[in-house]
Structures are given as C-alpha cells and as structure tokens.
Full PDB file with SEQRES, HELIX, SHEET, SSBOND, CRYST1, ORIGX, SCALE, CONECT and MASTER records, all heavy atoms in Angstrom:
SEQRES   1 A   31  MET ASN TRP LYS ALA SER ASN GLY TRP GLU LEU GLN HIS          
SEQRES   2 A   31  SER ASN VAL LEU GLU GLN LEU MET TYR GLN SER HIS ARG          
SEQRES   3 A   31  LEU PHE GLN THR LYS                                          
HELIX    1 AA1 SER A   14  THR A   30  1                                  17    
CRYST1    1.000    1.000    1.000  90.00  90.00  90.00 P 1           1          
ORIGX1      1.000000  0.000000  0.000000        0.00000                         
ORIGX2      0.000000  1.000000  0.000000        0.00000                         
ORIGX3      0.000000  0.000000  1.000000        0.00000                         
SCALE1      1.000000  0.000000  0.000000        0.00000                         
SCALE2      0.000000  1.000000  0.000000        0.00000                         
SCALE3      0.000000  0.000000  1.000000        0.00000                         
ATOM      1  N   MET A   1      22.283 -67.453-112.299  1.00  0.00           N  
ATOM      2  CA  MET A   1      22.810 -68.603-113.141  1.00  0.00           C  
ATOM      3  C   MET A   1      23.459 -67.994-114.448  1.00  0.00           C  
ATOM      4  O   MET A   1      23.203 -66.906-114.796  1.00  0.00           O  
ATOM      5  CB  MET A   1      21.653 -69.515-113.576  1.00  0.00           C  
ATOM      6  CG  MET A   1      21.201 -70.301-112.450  1.00  0.00           C  
ATOM      7  SD  MET A   1      20.053 -71.623-112.990  1.00  0.00           S  
ATOM      8  CE  MET A   1      18.781 -70.676-113.894  1.00  0.00           C  
ATOM      9  N   ASN A   2      24.461 -68.658-114.940  1.00  0.00           N  
ATOM     10  CA  ASN A   2      25.081 -68.334-116.182  1.00  0.00           C  
ATOM     11  C   ASN A   2      25.658 -67.019-116.197  1.00  0.00           C  
ATOM     12  O   ASN A   2      25.405 -66.185-117.111  1.00  0.00           O  
ATOM     13  CB  ASN A   2      24.086 -68.506-117.370  1.00  0.00           C  
ATOM     14  CG  ASN A   2      23.465 -69.873-117.439  1.00  0.00           C  
ATOM     15  OD1 ASN A   2      24.161 -70.858-117.426  1.00  0.00           O  
ATOM     16  ND2 ASN A   2      22.183 -69.906-117.595  1.00  0.00           N  
ATOM     17  N   TRP A   3      26.527 -66.717-115.173  1.00  0.00           N  
ATOM     18  CA  TRP A   3      27.075 -65.429-115.021  1.00  0.00           C  
ATOM     19  C   TRP A   3      28.252 -65.222-116.119  1.00  0.00           C  
ATOM     20  O   TRP A   3      29.066 -66.053-116.284  1.00  0.00           O  
ATOM     21  CB  TRP A   3      27.622 -65.262-113.563  1.00  0.00           C  
ATOM     22  CG  TRP A   3      28.417 -64.063-113.429  1.00  0.00           C  
ATOM     23  CD1 TRP A   3      27.940 -62.855-112.860  1.00  0.00           C  
ATOM     24  CD2 TRP A   3      29.775 -63.735-113.722  1.00  0.00           C  
ATOM     25  NE1 TRP A   3      28.827 -61.825-112.803  1.00  0.00           N  
ATOM     26  CE2 TRP A   3      30.009 -62.332-113.373  1.00  0.00           C  
ATOM     27  CE3 TRP A   3      30.766 -64.468-114.252  1.00  0.00           C  
ATOM     28  CZ2 TRP A   3      31.138 -61.665-113.462  1.00  0.00           C  
ATOM     29  CZ3 TRP A   3      32.040 -63.805-114.394  1.00  0.00           C  
ATOM     30  CH2 TRP A   3      32.274 -62.430-114.066  1.00  0.00           C  
ATOM     31  N   LYS A   4      28.131 -64.014-116.758  1.00  0.00           N  
ATOM     32  CA  LYS A   4      29.240 -63.723-117.723  1.00  0.00           C  
ATOM     33  C   LYS A   4      29.569 -62.161-117.394  1.00  0.00           C  
ATOM     34  O   LYS A   4      28.703 -61.458-117.077  1.00  0.00           O  
ATOM     35  CB  LYS A   4      28.858 -63.871-119.121  1.00  0.00           C  
ATOM     36  CG  LYS A   4      28.605 -65.354-119.509  1.00  0.00           C  
ATOM     37  CD  LYS A   4      28.494 -65.508-121.040  1.00  0.00           C  
ATOM     38  CE  LYS A   4      29.719 -65.306-121.724  1.00  0.00           C  
ATOM     39  NZ  LYS A   4      29.623 -65.679-123.053  1.00  0.00           N  
ATOM     40  N   ALA A   5      30.857 -61.927-117.653  1.00  0.00           N  
ATOM     41  CA  ALA A   5      31.237 -60.417-117.473  1.00  0.00           C  
ATOM     42  C   ALA A   5      30.841 -59.595-118.648  1.00  0.00           C  
ATOM     43  O   ALA A   5      30.695 -60.156-119.766  1.00  0.00           O  
ATOM     44  CB  ALA A   5      32.822 -60.337-117.317  1.00  0.00           C  
ATOM     45  N   SER A   6      30.562 -58.381-118.336  1.00  0.00           N  
ATOM     46  CA  SER A   6      30.156 -57.438-119.368  1.00  0.00           C  
ATOM     47  C   SER A   6      31.477 -56.901-120.118  1.00  0.00           C  
ATOM     48  O   SER A   6      32.486 -56.661-119.527  1.00  0.00           O  
ATOM     49  CB  SER A   6      29.364 -56.202-118.922  1.00  0.00           C  
ATOM     50  OG  SER A   6      29.309 -55.185-119.753  1.00  0.00           O  
ATOM     51  N   ASN A   7      31.373 -56.654-121.322  1.00  0.00           N  
ATOM     52  CA  ASN A   7      32.504 -56.100-122.029  1.00  0.00           C  
ATOM     53  C   ASN A   7      32.918 -54.710-121.584  1.00  0.00           C  
ATOM     54  O   ASN A   7      33.918 -54.180-121.877  1.00  0.00           O  
ATOM     55  CB  ASN A   7      32.274 -56.071-123.687  1.00  0.00           C  
ATOM     56  CG  ASN A   7      32.204 -57.521-124.121  1.00  0.00           C  
ATOM     57  OD1 ASN A   7      33.018 -58.350-123.737  1.00  0.00           O  
ATOM     58  ND2 ASN A   7      31.549 -57.725-125.334  1.00  0.00           N  
ATOM     59  N   GLY A   8      31.838 -54.110-121.067  1.00  0.00           N  
ATOM     60  CA  GLY A   8      32.102 -52.649-120.513  1.00  0.00           C  
ATOM     61  C   GLY A   8      32.826 -52.559-119.136  1.00  0.00           C  
ATOM     62  O   GLY A   8      33.104 -51.523-118.756  1.00  0.00           O  
ATOM     63  N   TRP A   9      32.874 -53.758-118.481  1.00  0.00           N  
ATOM     64  CA  TRP A   9      33.522 -53.781-117.177  1.00  0.00           C  
ATOM     65  C   TRP A   9      34.984 -53.647-117.314  1.00  0.00           C  
ATOM     66  O   TRP A   9      35.612 -54.320-118.155  1.00  0.00           O  
ATOM     67  CB  TRP A   9      33.190 -54.965-116.428  1.00  0.00           C  
ATOM     68  CG  TRP A   9      31.720 -55.094-116.074  1.00  0.00           C  
ATOM     69  CD1 TRP A   9      30.711 -54.206-116.191  1.00  0.00           C  
ATOM     70  CD2 TRP A   9      31.138 -56.359-115.502  1.00  0.00           C  
ATOM     71  NE1 TRP A   9      29.564 -54.678-115.721  1.00  0.00           N  
ATOM     72  CE2 TRP A   9      29.722 -56.009-115.269  1.00  0.00           C  
ATOM     73  CE3 TRP A   9      31.507 -57.557-115.243  1.00  0.00           C  
ATOM     74  CZ2 TRP A   9      28.850 -56.925-114.803  1.00  0.00           C  
ATOM     75  CZ3 TRP A   9      30.663 -58.395-114.630  1.00  0.00           C  
ATOM     76  CH2 TRP A   9      29.193 -58.074-114.384  1.00  0.00           C  
ATOM     77  N   GLU A  10      35.588 -52.903-116.366  1.00  0.00           N  
ATOM     78  CA  GLU A  10      37.046 -52.915-116.298  1.00  0.00           C  
ATOM     79  C   GLU A  10      37.655 -53.948-115.544  1.00  0.00           C  
ATOM     80  O   GLU A  10      37.090 -54.243-114.364  1.00  0.00           O  
ATOM     81  CB  GLU A  10      37.492 -51.475-115.679  1.00  0.00           C  
ATOM     82  CG  GLU A  10      38.959 -51.301-115.668  1.00  0.00           C  
ATOM     83  CD  GLU A  10      39.378 -49.993-114.985  1.00  0.00           C  
ATOM     84  OE1 GLU A  10      38.536 -49.198-114.750  1.00  0.00           O  
ATOM     85  OE2 GLU A  10      40.635 -49.853-114.891  1.00  0.00           O  
ATOM     86  N   LEU A  11      38.629 -54.688-116.064  1.00  0.00           N  
ATOM     87  CA  LEU A  11      39.263 -55.826-115.356  1.00  0.00           C  
ATOM     88  C   LEU A  11      40.349 -55.228-114.421  1.00  0.00           C  
ATOM     89  O   LEU A  11      41.209 -54.515-114.944  1.00  0.00           O  
ATOM     90  CB  LEU A  11      39.936 -56.717-116.297  1.00  0.00           C  
ATOM     91  CG  LEU A  11      40.529 -57.990-115.780  1.00  0.00           C  
ATOM     92  CD1 LEU A  11      39.578 -58.982-115.117  1.00  0.00           C  
ATOM     93  CD2 LEU A  11      41.331 -58.795-116.759  1.00  0.00           C  
ATOM     94  N   GLN A  12      40.183 -55.544-113.178  1.00  0.00           N  
ATOM     95  CA  GLN A  12      41.193 -55.077-112.198  1.00  0.00           C  
ATOM     96  C   GLN A  12      42.301 -56.167-111.920  1.00  0.00           C  
ATOM     97  O   GLN A  12      42.066 -57.350-112.286  1.00  0.00           O  
ATOM     98  CB  GLN A  12      40.508 -54.785-110.892  1.00  0.00           C  
ATOM     99  CG  GLN A  12      39.429 -53.712-110.823  1.00  0.00           C  
ATOM    100  CD  GLN A  12      39.981 -52.342-111.223  1.00  0.00           C  
ATOM    101  OE1 GLN A  12      40.985 -51.966-110.614  1.00  0.00           O  
ATOM    102  NE2 GLN A  12      39.295 -51.603-112.118  1.00  0.00           N  
ATOM    103  N   HIS A  13      43.450 -55.780-111.373  1.00  0.00           N  
ATOM    104  CA  HIS A  13      44.506 -56.593-111.079  1.00  0.00           C  
ATOM    105  C   HIS A  13      45.108 -57.458-112.155  1.00  0.00           C  
ATOM    106  O   HIS A  13      45.386 -58.701-111.948  1.00  0.00           O  
ATOM    107  CB  HIS A  13      44.025 -57.665-109.893  1.00  0.00           C  
ATOM    108  CG  HIS A  13      43.270 -57.007-108.829  1.00  0.00           C  
ATOM    109  ND1 HIS A  13      43.697 -56.002-108.006  1.00  0.00           N  
ATOM    110  CD2 HIS A  13      41.887 -57.103-108.417  1.00  0.00           C  
ATOM    111  CE1 HIS A  13      42.865 -55.623-107.106  1.00  0.00           C  
ATOM    112  NE2 HIS A  13      41.796 -56.275-107.362  1.00  0.00           N  
ATOM    113  N   SER A  14      45.063 -56.819-113.406  1.00  0.00           N  
ATOM    114  CA  SER A  14      45.566 -57.572-114.624  1.00  0.00           C  
ATOM    115  C   SER A  14      46.912 -58.147-114.403  1.00  0.00           C  
ATOM    116  O   SER A  14      47.145 -59.296-114.850  1.00  0.00           O  
ATOM    117  CB  SER A  14      45.471 -56.713-115.761  1.00  0.00           C  
ATOM    118  OG  SER A  14      44.154 -56.172-115.996  1.00  0.00           O  
ATOM    119  N   ASN A  15      47.736 -57.460-113.737  1.00  0.00           N  
ATOM    120  CA  ASN A  15      49.199 -57.944-113.703  1.00  0.00           C  
ATOM    121  C   ASN A  15      49.160 -59.247-112.783  1.00  0.00           C  
ATOM    122  O   ASN A  15      49.960 -60.215-113.143  1.00  0.00           O  
ATOM    123  CB  ASN A  15      50.104 -56.860-113.123  1.00  0.00           C  
ATOM    124  CG  ASN A  15      50.356 -55.739-114.053  1.00  0.00           C  
ATOM    125  OD1 ASN A  15      50.178 -55.835-115.273  1.00  0.00           O  
ATOM    126  ND2 ASN A  15      50.607 -54.554-113.519  1.00  0.00           N  
ATOM    127  N   VAL A  16      48.478 -59.169-111.762  1.00  0.00           N  
ATOM    128  CA  VAL A  16      48.478 -60.384-110.846  1.00  0.00           C  
ATOM    129  C   VAL A  16      47.842 -61.538-111.605  1.00  0.00           C  
ATOM    130  O   VAL A  16      48.297 -62.743-111.571  1.00  0.00           O  
ATOM    131  CB  VAL A  16      47.658 -59.999-109.566  1.00  0.00           C  
ATOM    132  CG1 VAL A  16      47.366 -61.296-108.790  1.00  0.00           C  
ATOM    133  CG2 VAL A  16      48.270 -59.002-108.757  1.00  0.00           C  
ATOM    134  N   LEU A  17      46.750 -61.304-112.384  1.00  0.00           N  
ATOM    135  CA  LEU A  17      46.064 -62.397-112.996  1.00  0.00           C  
ATOM    136  C   LEU A  17      46.961 -62.958-114.132  1.00  0.00           C  
ATOM    137  O   LEU A  17      46.956 -64.135-114.402  1.00  0.00           O  
ATOM    138  CB  LEU A  17      44.743 -61.917-113.658  1.00  0.00           C  
ATOM    139  CG  LEU A  17      43.696 -61.438-112.513  1.00  0.00           C  
ATOM    140  CD1 LEU A  17      42.460 -60.925-113.264  1.00  0.00           C  
ATOM    141  CD2 LEU A  17      43.476 -62.525-111.561  1.00  0.00           C  
ATOM    142  N   GLU A  18      47.728 -62.043-114.752  1.00  0.00           N  
ATOM    143  CA  GLU A  18      48.714 -62.641-115.884  1.00  0.00           C  
ATOM    144  C   GLU A  18      49.720 -63.513-115.207  1.00  0.00           C  
ATOM    145  O   GLU A  18      49.998 -64.590-115.725  1.00  0.00           O  
ATOM    146  CB  GLU A  18      49.245 -61.414-116.521  1.00  0.00           C  
ATOM    147  CG  GLU A  18      48.390 -60.597-117.529  1.00  0.00           C  
ATOM    148  CD  GLU A  18      48.244 -61.346-118.817  1.00  0.00           C  
ATOM    149  OE1 GLU A  18      48.675 -62.485-119.025  1.00  0.00           O  
ATOM    150  OE2 GLU A  18      47.489 -60.742-119.582  1.00  0.00           O  
ATOM    151  N   GLN A  19      50.158 -63.023-114.017  1.00  0.00           N  
ATOM    152  CA  GLN A  19      51.241 -63.965-113.315  1.00  0.00           C  
ATOM    153  C   GLN A  19      50.567 -65.289-112.825  1.00  0.00           C  
ATOM    154  O   GLN A  19      51.307 -66.271-112.885  1.00  0.00           O  
ATOM    155  CB  GLN A  19      51.760 -63.144-112.196  1.00  0.00           C  
ATOM    156  CG  GLN A  19      52.774 -62.080-112.517  1.00  0.00           C  
ATOM    157  CD  GLN A  19      53.968 -62.717-113.102  1.00  0.00           C  
ATOM    158  OE1 GLN A  19      54.593 -63.566-112.530  1.00  0.00           O  
ATOM    159  NE2 GLN A  19      54.421 -62.175-114.249  1.00  0.00           N  
ATOM    160  N   LEU A  20      49.313 -65.098-112.339  1.00  0.00           N  
ATOM    161  CA  LEU A  20      48.556 -66.396-111.906  1.00  0.00           C  
ATOM    162  C   LEU A  20      48.525 -67.294-113.197  1.00  0.00           C  
ATOM    163  O   LEU A  20      48.595 -68.589-112.951  1.00  0.00           O  
ATOM    164  CB  LEU A  20      47.223 -65.976-111.458  1.00  0.00           C  
ATOM    165  CG  LEU A  20      46.374 -67.153-110.974  1.00  0.00           C  
ATOM    166  CD1 LEU A  20      47.032 -68.116-109.966  1.00  0.00           C  
ATOM    167  CD2 LEU A  20      45.123 -66.563-110.369  1.00  0.00           C  
ATOM    168  N   MET A  21      48.104 -66.728-114.293  1.00  0.00           N  
ATOM    169  CA  MET A  21      48.032 -67.545-115.430  1.00  0.00           C  
ATOM    170  C   MET A  21      49.318 -68.328-115.788  1.00  0.00           C  
ATOM    171  O   MET A  21      49.392 -69.519-116.127  1.00  0.00           O  
ATOM    172  CB  MET A  21      47.416 -66.869-116.618  1.00  0.00           C  
ATOM    173  CG  MET A  21      47.157 -67.577-117.864  1.00  0.00           C  
ATOM    174  SD  MET A  21      46.429 -66.511-119.088  1.00  0.00           S  
ATOM    175  CE  MET A  21      46.291 -67.632-120.463  1.00  0.00           C  
ATOM    176  N   TYR A  22      50.346 -67.492-115.832  1.00  0.00           N  
ATOM    177  CA  TYR A  22      51.754 -68.031-116.175  1.00  0.00           C  
ATOM    178  C   TYR A  22      52.141 -69.148-115.254  1.00  0.00           C  
ATOM    179  O   TYR A  22      52.617 -70.191-115.640  1.00  0.00           O  
ATOM    180  CB  TYR A  22      52.732 -66.870-116.236  1.00  0.00           C  
ATOM    181  CG  TYR A  22      54.210 -67.305-116.338  1.00  0.00           C  
ATOM    182  CD1 TYR A  22      54.606 -67.840-117.591  1.00  0.00           C  
ATOM    183  CD2 TYR A  22      55.013 -67.282-115.325  1.00  0.00           C  
ATOM    184  CE1 TYR A  22      55.897 -68.291-117.672  1.00  0.00           C  
ATOM    185  CE2 TYR A  22      56.274 -67.759-115.400  1.00  0.00           C  
ATOM    186  CZ  TYR A  22      56.745 -68.193-116.548  1.00  0.00           C  
ATOM    187  OH  TYR A  22      58.026 -68.735-116.649  1.00  0.00           O  
ATOM    188  N   GLN A  23      52.006 -68.816-113.808  1.00  0.00           N  
ATOM    189  CA  GLN A  23      52.600 -69.709-112.871  1.00  0.00           C  
ATOM    190  C   GLN A  23      51.723 -71.101-112.836  1.00  0.00           C  
ATOM    191  O   GLN A  23      52.323 -72.116-112.736  1.00  0.00           O  
ATOM    192  CB  GLN A  23      52.626 -69.106-111.476  1.00  0.00           C  
ATOM    193  CG  GLN A  23      53.595 -68.172-111.364  1.00  0.00           C  
ATOM    194  CD  GLN A  23      53.831 -67.655-109.899  1.00  0.00           C  
ATOM    195  OE1 GLN A  23      53.541 -68.421-109.001  1.00  0.00           O  
ATOM    196  NE2 GLN A  23      54.441 -66.491-109.676  1.00  0.00           N  
ATOM    197  N   SER A  24      50.330 -70.890-112.934  1.00  0.00           N  
ATOM    198  CA  SER A  24      49.561 -72.112-112.970  1.00  0.00           C  
ATOM    199  C   SER A  24      49.777 -72.914-114.149  1.00  0.00           C  
ATOM    200  O   SER A  24      49.869 -74.253-114.108  1.00  0.00           O  
ATOM    201  CB  SER A  24      48.085 -71.773-112.886  1.00  0.00           C  
ATOM    202  OG  SER A  24      47.778 -70.988-113.905  1.00  0.00           O  
ATOM    203  N   HIS A  25      49.992 -72.270-115.348  1.00  0.00           N  
ATOM    204  CA  HIS A  25      50.324 -72.964-116.579  1.00  0.00           C  
ATOM    205  C   HIS A  25      51.653 -73.855-116.386  1.00  0.00           C  
ATOM    206  O   HIS A  25      51.747 -74.988-116.685  1.00  0.00           O  
ATOM    207  CB  HIS A  25      50.469 -72.147-117.749  1.00  0.00           C  
ATOM    208  CG  HIS A  25      51.175 -72.728-119.023  1.00  0.00           C  
ATOM    209  ND1 HIS A  25      50.498 -73.636-119.784  1.00  0.00           N  
ATOM    210  CD2 HIS A  25      52.387 -72.545-119.503  1.00  0.00           C  
ATOM    211  CE1 HIS A  25      51.234 -73.977-120.656  1.00  0.00           C  
ATOM    212  NE2 HIS A  25      52.460 -73.437-120.623  1.00  0.00           N  
ATOM    213  N   ARG A  26      52.751 -73.100-115.919  1.00  0.00           N  
ATOM    214  CA  ARG A  26      53.975 -73.729-115.738  1.00  0.00           C  
ATOM    215  C   ARG A  26      53.926 -74.880-114.776  1.00  0.00           C  
ATOM    216  O   ARG A  26      54.442 -76.000-114.977  1.00  0.00           O  
ATOM    217  CB  ARG A  26      54.993 -72.693-115.194  1.00  0.00           C  
ATOM    218  CG  ARG A  26      56.472 -73.256-115.178  1.00  0.00           C  
ATOM    219  CD  ARG A  26      57.414 -72.214-114.890  1.00  0.00           C  
ATOM    220  NE  ARG A  26      57.158 -71.664-113.418  1.00  0.00           N  
ATOM    221  CZ  ARG A  26      57.926 -70.687-112.886  1.00  0.00           C  
ATOM    222  NH1 ARG A  26      58.866 -70.227-113.432  1.00  0.00           N  
ATOM    223  NH2 ARG A  26      57.498 -70.280-111.662  1.00  0.00           N  
ATOM    224  N   LEU A  27      53.243 -74.779-113.634  1.00  0.00           N  
ATOM    225  CA  LEU A  27      53.168 -75.719-112.601  1.00  0.00           C  
ATOM    226  C   LEU A  27      52.478 -77.083-113.165  1.00  0.00           C  
ATOM    227  O   LEU A  27      52.998 -78.192-113.081  1.00  0.00           O  
ATOM    228  CB  LEU A  27      52.312 -75.325-111.395  1.00  0.00           C  
ATOM    229  CG  LEU A  27      51.976 -76.307-110.374  1.00  0.00           C  
ATOM    230  CD1 LEU A  27      53.242 -76.947-109.758  1.00  0.00           C  
ATOM    231  CD2 LEU A  27      51.032 -75.770-109.230  1.00  0.00           C  
ATOM    232  N   PHE A  28      51.347 -76.796-113.809  1.00  0.00           N  
ATOM    233  CA  PHE A  28      50.477 -78.095-114.262  1.00  0.00           C  
ATOM    234  C   PHE A  28      51.169 -78.694-115.443  1.00  0.00           C  
ATOM    235  O   PHE A  28      51.077 -79.992-115.681  1.00  0.00           O  
ATOM    236  CB  PHE A  28      49.040 -77.720-114.429  1.00  0.00           C  
ATOM    237  CG  PHE A  28      48.313 -77.635-113.098  1.00  0.00           C  
ATOM    238  CD1 PHE A  28      48.110 -76.297-112.547  1.00  0.00           C  
ATOM    239  CD2 PHE A  28      47.780 -78.688-112.478  1.00  0.00           C  
ATOM    240  CE1 PHE A  28      47.370 -76.146-111.308  1.00  0.00           C  
ATOM    241  CE2 PHE A  28      47.215 -78.514-111.278  1.00  0.00           C  
ATOM    242  CZ  PHE A  28      46.931 -77.252-110.696  1.00  0.00           C  
ATOM    243  N   GLN A  29      51.944 -77.922-116.240  1.00  0.00           N  
ATOM    244  CA  GLN A  29      52.498 -78.499-117.396  1.00  0.00           C  
ATOM    245  C   GLN A  29      53.718 -79.235-116.967  1.00  0.00           C  
ATOM    246  O   GLN A  29      53.975 -80.411-117.413  1.00  0.00           O  
ATOM    247  CB  GLN A  29      53.027 -77.300-118.219  1.00  0.00           C  
ATOM    248  CG  GLN A  29      53.832 -77.782-119.486  1.00  0.00           C  
ATOM    249  CD  GLN A  29      52.909 -78.356-120.570  1.00  0.00           C  
ATOM    250  OE1 GLN A  29      52.096 -77.696-121.081  1.00  0.00           O  
ATOM    251  NE2 GLN A  29      53.203 -79.617-120.956  1.00  0.00           N  
ATOM    252  N   THR A  30      54.547 -78.741-116.004  1.00  0.00           N  
ATOM    253  CA  THR A  30      55.746 -79.467-115.470  1.00  0.00           C  
ATOM    254  C   THR A  30      55.313 -80.624-114.612  1.00  0.00           C  
ATOM    255  O   THR A  30      55.946 -81.761-114.883  1.00  0.00           O  
ATOM    256  CB  THR A  30      56.600 -78.383-114.626  1.00  0.00           C  
ATOM    257  OG1 THR A  30      56.828 -77.288-115.484  1.00  0.00           O  
ATOM    258  CG2 THR A  30      57.817 -79.122-114.215  1.00  0.00           C  
ATOM    259  N   LYS A  31      54.454 -80.504-113.706  1.00  0.00           N  
ATOM    260  CA  LYS A  31      54.134 -81.576-112.768  1.00  0.00           C  
ATOM    261  C   LYS A  31      53.281 -82.726-113.393  1.00  0.00           C  
ATOM    262  O   LYS A  31      53.440 -83.965-113.019  1.00  0.00           O  
ATOM    263  CB  LYS A  31      53.418 -80.976-111.534  1.00  0.00           C  
ATOM    264  CG  LYS A  31      53.254 -81.934-110.326  1.00  0.00           C  
ATOM    265  CD  LYS A  31      52.709 -81.203-109.125  1.00  0.00           C  
ATOM    266  CE  LYS A  31      52.690 -82.084-107.918  1.00  0.00           C  
ATOM    267  NZ  LYS A  31      52.266 -81.406-106.738  1.00  0.00           N  
TER     268      LYS A  31                                                      
MASTER        0    0    0    1    0    0    0    6  267    1    0    3          
END                                                                             
C-alpha cells in the first residue's frame, strides 16, 4: 500500500515519458 518511488532510483525511458506527458496533455486539452 501507498507505493512511492525512492529518490535514489533511476528513472528509465525519460524521453518516452516526456512525449507521453506532452501528447496526453495536448489531446485532453484540445478534445
């Protein structure tokens, strides 16, 4: 329960996640 990431963990696939954030923002803002 109450799962949170550790500050010491390395985030993988950052570029993909940035693109996911951008595209989802644009889709839901526009639609």
